[in-house]
């Protein structure tokens, strides 16, 4: 409590001092000076305000700041040796202005007079991002903070799907150029992240608030100074690097779904933890402390039930019969409610402080929100002959919370060095209740299924970075040290199934308890899993600007550790266990073992809370068994080390510049995986390692990127690179679990090989004006040993696993993009702009499956994706209206073995879905803004098909929101 008070006191002191600074009648100008042709920052450029004879010089990041400017109208002059001096007039400094002016200087090839221009209000984050794209060494796309603000997107995934060639899967994973999420890689401020996903090589972008982004860059071609483990794209999330000055913003928001209101009672819930509101569980769902510490300990306890020693037998019986009571049995009861509106609150603070004569930038932000989501769902499993084995319909009610925080410090040491400390924390939780009804045709049984699932995900990422300009050859050194820690906790995932004879509609539904002494967790079980992953990285880059070219080299080392623990318990009749383990003289005694009241509960329909009352767990009622396997839990580590060298060589051909960016990267990767019993118990003589996987591979990754400047505003790009993707620790883990939501068993494959990818790109770009672009490009990729998600049916169940395709896969496509102000139509249309992109993609892979050839598209590849954004902004009115449309083509989400199905094309497909979002915002008074959002106005159903039949669908409703924000600056 004392620590909290100290933190609040310090925050109030900082805020109070900041508000005092804000109240003065002075402003400031900040910005950056860049080379107009290359986009490179110009360090040491001079910036002056002639009227005040006051100025500044750009620092190591090319940024400048002029403070204590009295309110008024000024001009700004920028100069640099070897460049044309530029003067910008009519810059107004007032109470509401906080100008950030990016100045592009032209190289001085001959004697040229200085350039004088009129200033514009610089809301040009998007223009700056396009400028960076124009002068980047690789082929890239992206989205800026300015564009994100125009959209109703709440997280990074929703924002990224607006980028050319990017589509969103499951609301949180991105596909780039038709490649599955496992073929993309993600960095945060240049450092890799640990993952919260147990079964995917993917970053869950729904965890990252869009408000925290300065921009997101999607690098589609490889340069040696970037990680080489991607094929679709390297997604670079960047938070704000340095604040321009003081600002303090608070906001609140609320939203509702049209299929879920406070009046109807369709949302199904149950008693959870009181701390659910912040995304934390207070231990209500935790695994009991008296549970045997391992599967072997549980087996020993069951064996002791028939011990020849009466004392041992009696103690074992008492211990085992008490296990069921130790679980939380007070949270079975469900209730249907009218869901209240979703709520959200946010706060952001930035400021600059003078510390030892240098600027210290402080950035802090915090968000909290909750949401109620209701989905009408369908889940089914197809027989090998194409008919339904399992067909169910029902609902999914999800209560979600998000708690996020950002705290960054940036310290500039003179004009030659800067040190940054960046911290991000995210905590999300989903409390989900699924209710399904349907039929299992193979058993002529009607079903009712219910599951209670709470998942908490937590991510912390911290970075310490530095950048230094050295006197030695004017070289630049930058370094990064990163640490990230993630956790995914899934406590007490409960699943129950009721059945009745399909041919007797008047028969009651009864609880489907297996007579097997081990039980069946898919029908009556309680599942606990916990994932912890840590990632530690260090990297450095050294750049020497020679007279005729730039040389850059560096290295990276990254270590990742993962620990995954699983315990899966089953609910059984005590008689089922005792029949196997209890030594009784008379069979009749065990046949009549179960109490009459327990038999009555099982012979008629009763609710879970009636059946699993604490009093019913005893030797003559219900008990606990375990169906965990030794291999279910594992520990793993992965170490990647890399070194690279690259050059950027400018040549002049036909009076136009040709940049040759080439080099190579060497990456070495070591993976170790060890399966083990769920809990380390060194005193357990049966403890041992049950699996071991070890791979140590080194790869040489060459890269060639060419940029030919057709004019000052046009580029022609070409690239040829080699990259790879490696199996994840989960994909090689020998672990199987039943996924209740898909009705499939999921298992790893320790024989997976890495995928090698050849990448070829060609693109034309025309940067018409600041913030405007027209581009068209093509790409071609060759995948060797492509890793795909595969479904394998068997006589009793269906598995989903990971395999290497035994054929070569090819992907090629064309991408179009336009961002244009519509003032070409008429002067009034200057307030309108359009942002649209289209990707047309084709892929083919031929896989031999036991004598048959399967010719199909690659897993996850969409034949097209289309985005359209229409934006209106009137600065004098303070009015903004934006419309965004998105659609993507039909794609394979799970690959089938064609030999195991009796119909053509047995793969599972996700069907196209239209999405239309609108945003309207209005400035009411100075710095006060109201914003209205509407998401998914078409409300198309999300459908997955196999053999022309629906195997899964979700229908979630439209979402309408209203937010209010006020900004002090």
Foldseek 3Di string as FASTA:
>chain_A
DVVVVVVVVVVVVVVVVQVVVLPDQWAKEKEFEAALQQRHGDFQKWKAWVVVRFTFTAFPRRMTMTTGHGFDWTKMWIDDPQWAIEIEGGDTDGSQDLHYDYHHTYGDPDDDHHHYYYDDRPPFLLLSVVSCCNNDQFHKWKFFLSRVVQFPDFWPQVVVCQIFQWDDDPQFAIDGQLHGSLQEAEDEQQHGADAADQFHNTHGGRQGTSNQFRMKMWGQADFQVHAFAHHRTYIYTYGDDFDSFKKKKKKKKWWDFPVAAQPDFAAKAWDAAPCVQAQDHPCLQAQFPLPPPFQVSQVVLLLQCADPDPVSNVVSQVSFLQRLLRGNLRTQDMGTGRDHIKMKIKMKIWHWDQDPNWTKIKIKMKMKIKHKFKKWKWFFDAALAGHTQWTKTWMKIKIKMKIKMKIKMKIDDPRFKIKIKIKIKIKMKIWMKTWIWTARVVVQKTKIKIKTKMKMKIKMKIKIKMWGQDPVLRKIKIKMKMKMKMKIWIGFTWMAMWIDRNVDPPFATFTDWDLALQIDRNHTKTKTKMKIKMKIKMKMKMWHDDPFKIKMKIKMKMKMKMWMFMWMKGKHFLLSSCVPNHDDDDPVCSVQQADPVQVVRRRHDDGSSVNSPSVQRHNRGMGMHTDADQLAIKIKMKMKMKIWMWMWGWDADPNWIKTKIWIKMKMKMKMWMWGWIRHDDVVDPPTDTDDIAIDIDMDIKIKIKMWIDPDSFKIKIKIKIKGKHADDPSQLRQHWDQDSQNRAIEGHRVPAGIKIKIKIKIKMWGRPDSSWIKMKMKMKMKIDQDKFWAWDDDPPGIHIHIGGANWIKMKMKMKIWTWAQPCVVDVVSNQKIKTKMKIAMFMWTWGDFPNDTDIDGDASGWRMKIKIKMWGQDPVFQKIKMKIKIKTAKGFNHHYRSVSHPDPQQTKIWHIDIKMKMKIKGDPDSQKMKMKIKIRPVQDKTFIDGPNHTNMIIGIGIMIMMMIMGMRD
